[in-house]
Amino acid sequence: MHPKFHRKGVARALWQQVVPVLHSEISVRSSLFAVSFYEKLGFKKVGEVKFFNGVSFQTMMATF
């Protein structure tokens, strides 16, 4: 998400619309900036922080 929209509730509002129809395991590659956001949504860290093309990310998973 563009930094201009960080901490405005946009991602949370979108997520709240999607969760009721999810019935599966979801994985994301979270920026390190967003790890705490995903944890609040119920995601758990999987493995170590990884780097690809100079970008670091944390794989996270949740079951809904």
PDB file of N, CA and C in Angstrom:
ATOM      1  N   MET A   1       0.843  -1.164   0.000  1.00  0.00           N
ATOM      2  CA  MET A   1       0.000   0.000   0.000  1.00  0.00           C
ATOM      3  C   MET A   1       0.896   1.238   0.000  1.00  0.00           C
ATOM      4  N   HIS A   2       0.508   2.229  -0.728  1.00  0.00           N
ATOM      5  CA  HIS A   2       1.271   3.473  -0.815  1.00  0.00           C
ATOM      6  C   HIS A   2       1.356   4.121   0.569  1.00  0.00           C
ATOM      7  N   PRO A   3       2.540   4.602   0.944  1.00  0.00           N
ATOM      8  CA  PRO A   3       2.709   5.210   2.268  1.00  0.00           C
ATOM      9  C   PRO A   3       1.701   6.320   2.597  1.00  0.00           C
ATOM     10  N   LYS A   4       1.210   7.007   1.590  1.00  0.00           N
ATOM     11  CA  LYS A   4       0.222   8.069   1.800  1.00  0.00           C
ATOM     12  C   LYS A   4      -1.029   7.534   2.510  1.00  0.00           C
ATOM     13  N   PHE A   5      -1.320   6.246   2.315  1.00  0.00           N
ATOM     14  CA  PHE A   5      -2.522   5.646   2.872  1.00  0.00           C
ATOM     15  C   PHE A   5      -2.263   4.780   4.110  1.00  0.00           C
ATOM     16  N   HIS A   6      -1.002   4.735   4.584  1.00  0.00           N
ATOM     17  CA  HIS A   6      -0.696   3.978   5.797  1.00  0.00           C
ATOM     18  C   HIS A   6      -1.425   4.595   6.980  1.00  0.00           C
ATOM     19  N   ARG A   7      -1.894   3.717   7.871  1.00  0.00           N
ATOM     20  CA  ARG A   7      -2.519   4.111   9.132  1.00  0.00           C
ATOM     21  C   ARG A   7      -3.784   4.948   8.948  1.00  0.00           C
ATOM     22  N   LYS A   8      -4.494   4.707   7.852  1.00  0.00           N
ATOM     23  CA  LYS A   8      -5.757   5.406   7.577  1.00  0.00           C
ATOM     24  C   LYS A   8      -6.957   4.466   7.695  1.00  0.00           C
ATOM     25  N   GLY A   9      -6.716   3.168   7.922  1.00  0.00           N
ATOM     26  CA  GLY A   9      -7.805   2.208   8.045  1.00  0.00           C
ATOM     27  C   GLY A   9      -8.265   1.612   6.724  1.00  0.00           C
ATOM     28  N   VAL A  10      -7.583   1.942   5.631  1.00  0.00           N
ATOM     29  CA  VAL A  10      -8.002   1.460   4.311  1.00  0.00           C
ATOM     30  C   VAL A  10      -7.850  -0.062   4.215  1.00  0.00           C
ATOM     31  N   ALA A  11      -6.693  -0.580   4.561  1.00  0.00           N
ATOM     32  CA  ALA A  11      -6.457  -2.024   4.451  1.00  0.00           C
ATOM     33  C   ALA A  11      -7.383  -2.800   5.389  1.00  0.00           C
ATOM     34  N   ARG A  12      -7.579  -2.293   6.601  1.00  0.00           N
ATOM     35  CA  ARG A  12      -8.459  -2.973   7.548  1.00  0.00           C
ATOM     36  C   ARG A  12      -9.891  -3.012   7.019  1.00  0.00           C
ATOM     37  N   ALA A  13     -10.361  -1.925   6.433  1.00  0.00           N
ATOM     38  CA  ALA A  13     -11.721  -1.880   5.878  1.00  0.00           C
ATOM     39  C   ALA A  13     -11.878  -2.887   4.739  1.00  0.00           C
ATOM     40  N   LEU A  14     -10.878  -2.972   3.876  1.00  0.00           N
ATOM     41  CA  LEU A  14     -10.921  -3.950   2.784  1.00  0.00           C
ATOM     42  C   LEU A  14     -10.933  -5.370   3.345  1.00  0.00           C
ATOM     43  N   TRP A  15     -10.074  -5.621   4.326  1.00  0.00           N
ATOM     44  CA  TRP A  15      -9.971  -6.948   4.923  1.00  0.00           C
ATOM     45  C   TRP A  15     -11.288  -7.370   5.557  1.00  0.00           C
ATOM     46  N   GLN A  16     -11.955  -6.467   6.239  1.00  0.00           N
ATOM     47  CA  GLN A  16     -13.217  -6.790   6.901  1.00  0.00           C
ATOM     48  C   GLN A  16     -14.303  -7.175   5.896  1.00  0.00           C
ATOM     49  N   GLN A  17     -14.185  -6.723   4.667  1.00  0.00           N
ATOM     50  CA  GLN A  17     -15.144  -7.108   3.635  1.00  0.00           C
ATOM     51  C   GLN A  17     -14.848  -8.504   3.085  1.00  0.00           C
ATOM     52  N   VAL A  18     -13.586  -8.914   3.127  1.00  0.00           N
ATOM     53  CA  VAL A  18     -13.168 -10.181   2.537  1.00  0.00           C
ATOM     54  C   VAL A  18     -13.305 -11.356   3.512  1.00  0.00           C
ATOM     55  N   VAL A  19     -12.972 -11.147   4.775  1.00  0.00           N
ATOM     56  CA  VAL A  19     -12.927 -12.237   5.752  1.00  0.00           C
ATOM     57  C   VAL A  19     -14.207 -13.074   5.807  1.00  0.00           C
ATOM     58  N   PRO A  20     -15.399 -12.492   5.784  1.00  0.00           N
ATOM     59  CA  PRO A  20     -16.602 -13.327   5.891  1.00  0.00           C
ATOM     60  C   PRO A  20     -16.757 -14.377   4.789  1.00  0.00           C
ATOM     61  N   VAL A  21     -16.116 -14.196   3.664  1.00  0.00           N
ATOM     62  CA  VAL A  21     -16.267 -15.169   2.572  1.00  0.00           C
ATOM     63  C   VAL A  21     -15.066 -16.107   2.448  1.00  0.00           C
ATOM     64  N   LEU A  22     -14.061 -15.923   3.295  1.00  0.00           N
ATOM     65  CA  LEU A  22     -12.881 -16.786   3.252  1.00  0.00           C
ATOM     66  C   LEU A  22     -13.139 -18.071   4.029  1.00  0.00           C
ATOM     67  N   HIS A  23     -12.721 -19.168   3.472  1.00  0.00           N
ATOM     68  CA  HIS A  23     -12.806 -20.459   4.159  1.00  0.00           C
ATOM     69  C   HIS A  23     -11.579 -21.271   3.767  1.00  0.00           C
ATOM     70  N   SER A  24     -10.405 -20.679   4.007  1.00  0.00           N
ATOM     71  CA  SER A  24      -9.187 -21.352   3.584  1.00  0.00           C
ATOM     72  C   SER A  24      -7.982 -20.807   4.338  1.00  0.00           C
ATOM     73  N   GLU A  25      -6.832 -21.371   4.007  1.00  0.00           N
ATOM     74  CA  GLU A  25      -5.573 -20.898   4.557  1.00  0.00           C
ATOM     75  C   GLU A  25      -5.011 -19.839   3.607  1.00  0.00           C
ATOM     76  N   ILE A  26      -4.586 -18.732   4.168  1.00  0.00           N
ATOM     77  CA  ILE A  26      -4.080 -17.611   3.376  1.00  0.00           C
ATOM     78  C   ILE A  26      -2.634 -17.354   3.762  1.00  0.00           C
ATOM     79  N   SER A  27      -1.777 -17.147   2.772  1.00  0.00           N
ATOM     80  CA  SER A  27      -0.396 -16.749   3.066  1.00  0.00           C
ATOM     81  C   SER A  27      -0.109 -15.414   2.398  1.00  0.00           C
ATOM     82  N   VAL A  28       0.716 -14.624   3.061  1.00  0.00           N
ATOM     83  CA  VAL A  28       1.135 -13.329   2.511  1.00  0.00           C
ATOM     84  C   VAL A  28       2.637 -13.195   2.694  1.00  0.00           C
ATOM     85  N   ARG A  29       3.229 -12.375   1.874  1.00  0.00           N
ATOM     86  CA  ARG A  29       4.627 -11.982   2.033  1.00  0.00           C
ATOM     87  C   ARG A  29       4.593 -10.533   2.492  1.00  0.00           C
ATOM     88  N   SER A  30       4.665 -10.355   3.773  1.00  0.00           N
ATOM     89  CA  SER A  30       4.498  -9.038   4.375  1.00  0.00           C
ATOM     90  C   SER A  30       5.796  -8.245   4.371  1.00  0.00           C
ATOM     91  N   SER A  31       5.690  -6.958   4.079  1.00  0.00           N
ATOM     92  CA  SER A  31       6.830  -6.080   4.313  1.00  0.00           C
ATOM     93  C   SER A  31       7.063  -6.078   5.814  1.00  0.00           C
ATOM     94  N   LEU A  32       8.268  -5.786   6.228  1.00  0.00           N
ATOM     95  CA  LEU A  32       8.550  -5.778   7.659  1.00  0.00           C
ATOM     96  C   LEU A  32       7.753  -4.685   8.362  1.00  0.00           C
ATOM     97  N   PHE A  33       7.439  -3.631   7.656  1.00  0.00           N
ATOM     98  CA  PHE A  33       6.621  -2.543   8.186  1.00  0.00           C
ATOM     99  C   PHE A  33       5.218  -3.035   8.565  1.00  0.00           C
ATOM    100  N   ALA A  34       4.687  -4.014   7.828  1.00  0.00           N
ATOM    101  CA  ALA A  34       3.296  -4.435   7.991  1.00  0.00           C
ATOM    102  C   ALA A  34       3.110  -5.689   8.849  1.00  0.00           C
ATOM    103  N   VAL A  35       4.174  -6.268   9.386  1.00  0.00           N
ATOM    104  CA  VAL A  35       4.054  -7.511  10.165  1.00  0.00           C
ATOM    105  C   VAL A  35       3.078  -7.348  11.325  1.00  0.00           C
ATOM    106  N   SER A  36       3.186  -6.274  12.080  1.00  0.00           N
ATOM    107  CA  SER A  36       2.287  -6.113  13.236  1.00  0.00           C
ATOM    108  C   SER A  36       0.829  -5.972  12.796  1.00  0.00           C
ATOM    109  N   PHE A  37       0.600  -5.342  11.650  1.00  0.00           N
ATOM    110  CA  PHE A  37      -0.762  -5.228  11.111  1.00  0.00           C
ATOM    111  C   PHE A  37      -1.334  -6.613  10.844  1.00  0.00           C
ATOM    112  N   TYR A  38      -0.572  -7.460  10.147  1.00  0.00           N
ATOM    113  CA  TYR A  38      -1.056  -8.808   9.836  1.00  0.00           C
ATOM    114  C   TYR A  38      -1.254  -9.639  11.101  1.00  0.00           C
ATOM    115  N   GLU A  39      -0.391  -9.454  12.101  1.00  0.00           N
ATOM    116  CA  GLU A  39      -0.572 -10.181  13.356  1.00  0.00           C
ATOM    117  C   GLU A  39      -1.902  -9.791  14.006  1.00  0.00           C
ATOM    118  N   LYS A  40      -2.284  -8.545  13.935  1.00  0.00           N
ATOM    119  CA  LYS A  40      -3.565  -8.101  14.484  1.00  0.00           C
ATOM    120  C   LYS A  40      -4.745  -8.728  13.746  1.00  0.00           C
ATOM    121  N   LEU A  41      -4.521  -9.120  12.503  1.00  0.00           N
ATOM    122  CA  LEU A  41      -5.576  -9.757  11.713  1.00  0.00           C
ATOM    123  C   LEU A  41      -5.608 -11.275  11.908  1.00  0.00           C
ATOM    124  N   GLY A  42      -4.665 -11.804  12.704  1.00  0.00           N
ATOM    125  CA  GLY A  42      -4.654 -13.234  12.978  1.00  0.00           C
ATOM    126  C   GLY A  42      -3.583 -14.028  12.262  1.00  0.00           C
ATOM    127  N   PHE A  43      -2.710 -13.370  11.523  1.00  0.00           N
ATOM    128  CA  PHE A  43      -1.633 -14.066  10.826  1.00  0.00           C
ATOM    129  C   PHE A  43      -0.490 -14.364  11.787  1.00  0.00           C
ATOM    130  N   LYS A  44       0.226 -15.458  11.512  1.00  0.00           N
ATOM    131  CA  LYS A  44       1.392 -15.863  12.289  1.00  0.00           C
ATOM    132  C   LYS A  44       2.603 -15.902  11.367  1.00  0.00           C
ATOM    133  N   LYS A  45       3.757 -15.535  11.900  1.00  0.00           N
ATOM    134  CA  LYS A  45       5.006 -15.598  11.129  1.00  0.00           C
ATOM    135  C   LYS A  45       5.352 -17.047  10.820  1.00  0.00           C
ATOM    136  N   VAL A  46       5.854 -17.266   9.609  1.00  0.00           N
ATOM    137  CA  VAL A  46       6.297 -18.586   9.180  1.00  0.00           C
ATOM    138  C   VAL A  46       7.737 -18.454   8.712  1.00  0.00           C
ATOM    139  N   GLY A  47       8.657 -19.097   9.409  1.00  0.00           N
ATOM    140  CA  GLY A  47      10.057 -19.045   9.013  1.00  0.00           C
ATOM    141  C   GLY A  47      10.710 -17.711   9.338  1.00  0.00           C
ATOM    142  N   GLU A  48      11.847 -17.520   8.706  1.00  0.00           N
ATOM    143  CA  GLU A  48      12.673 -16.338   8.935  1.00  0.00           C
ATOM    144  C   GLU A  48      12.390 -15.264   7.884  1.00  0.00           C
ATOM    145  N   VAL A  49      12.849 -14.053   8.161  1.00  0.00           N
ATOM    146  CA  VAL A  49      12.777 -12.971   7.180  1.00  0.00           C
ATOM    147  C   VAL A  49      13.618 -13.373   5.979  1.00  0.00           C
ATOM    148  N   LYS A  50      13.082 -13.138   4.784  1.00  0.00           N
ATOM    149  CA  LYS A  50      13.786 -13.471   3.546  1.00  0.00           C
ATOM    150  C   LYS A  50      14.032 -12.204   2.738  1.00  0.00           C
ATOM    151  N   PHE A  51      14.963 -12.298   1.813  1.00  0.00           N
ATOM    152  CA  PHE A  51      15.314 -11.180   0.944  1.00  0.00           C
ATOM    153  C   PHE A  51      15.210 -11.621  -0.501  1.00  0.00           C
ATOM    154  N   PHE A  52      14.617 -10.782  -1.337  1.00  0.00           N
ATOM    155  CA  PHE A  52      14.516 -11.070  -2.767  1.00  0.00           C
ATOM    156  C   PHE A  52      14.614  -9.753  -3.521  1.00  0.00           C
ATOM    157  N   ASN A  53      15.549  -9.680  -4.450  1.00  0.00           N
ATOM    158  CA  ASN A  53      15.768  -8.460  -5.236  1.00  0.00           C
ATOM    159  C   ASN A  53      15.925  -7.223  -4.354  1.00  0.00           C
ATOM    160  N   GLY A  54      16.617  -7.383  -3.246  1.00  0.00           N
ATOM    161  CA  GLY A  54      16.882  -6.259  -2.360  1.00  0.00           C
ATOM    162  C   GLY A  54      15.736  -5.878  -1.443  1.00  0.00           C
ATOM    163  N   VAL A  55      14.657  -6.663  -1.451  1.00  0.00           N
ATOM    164  CA  VAL A  55      13.495  -6.365  -0.609  1.00  0.00           C
ATOM    165  C   VAL A  55      13.371  -7.459   0.450  1.00  0.00           C
ATOM    166  N   SER A  56      13.210  -7.053   1.707  1.00  0.00           N
ATOM    167  CA  SER A  56      13.017  -8.038   2.771  1.00  0.00           C
ATOM    168  C   SER A  56      11.523  -8.221   3.033  1.00  0.00           C
ATOM    169  N   PHE A  57      11.155  -9.457   3.367  1.00  0.00           N
ATOM    170  CA  PHE A  57       9.747  -9.755   3.649  1.00  0.00           C
ATOM    171  C   PHE A  57       9.650 -10.900   4.636  1.00  0.00           C
ATOM    172  N   GLN A  58       8.498 -10.989   5.279  1.00  0.00           N
ATOM    173  CA  GLN A  58       8.193 -12.056   6.239  1.00  0.00           C
ATOM    174  C   GLN A  58       6.991 -12.824   5.723  1.00  0.00           C
ATOM    175  N   THR A  59       7.143 -14.127   5.517  1.00  0.00           N
ATOM    176  CA  THR A  59       5.998 -14.946   5.130  1.00  0.00           C
ATOM    177  C   THR A  59       5.127 -15.147   6.365  1.00  0.00           C
ATOM    178  N   MET A  60       3.801 -14.998   6.167  1.00  0.00           N
ATOM    179  CA  MET A  60       2.847 -15.142   7.263  1.00  0.00           C
ATOM    180  C   MET A  60       1.640 -15.937   6.761  1.00  0.00           C
ATOM    181  N   MET A  61       1.012 -16.681   7.686  1.00  0.00           N
ATOM    182  CA  MET A  61      -0.144 -17.506   7.317  1.00  0.00           C
ATOM    183  C   MET A  61      -1.249 -17.373   8.343  1.00  0.00           C
ATOM    184  N   ALA A  62      -2.487 -17.575   7.873  1.00  0.00           N
ATOM    185  CA  ALA A  62      -3.663 -17.588   8.741  1.00  0.00           C
ATOM    186  C   ALA A  62      -4.707 -18.510   8.125  1.00  0.00           C
ATOM    187  N   THR A  63      -5.536 -19.081   8.962  1.00  0.00           N
ATOM    188  CA  THR A  63      -6.641 -19.938   8.500  1.00  0.00           C
ATOM    189  C   THR A  63      -7.956 -19.282   8.887  1.00  0.00           C
ATOM    190  N   PHE A  64      -8.846 -19.183   7.917  1.00  0.00           N
ATOM    191  CA  PHE A  64     -10.160 -18.559   8.139  1.00  0.00           C
ATOM    192  C   PHE A  64     -11.263 -19.500   7.724  1.00  0.00           C
TER     193      PHE A  64
END
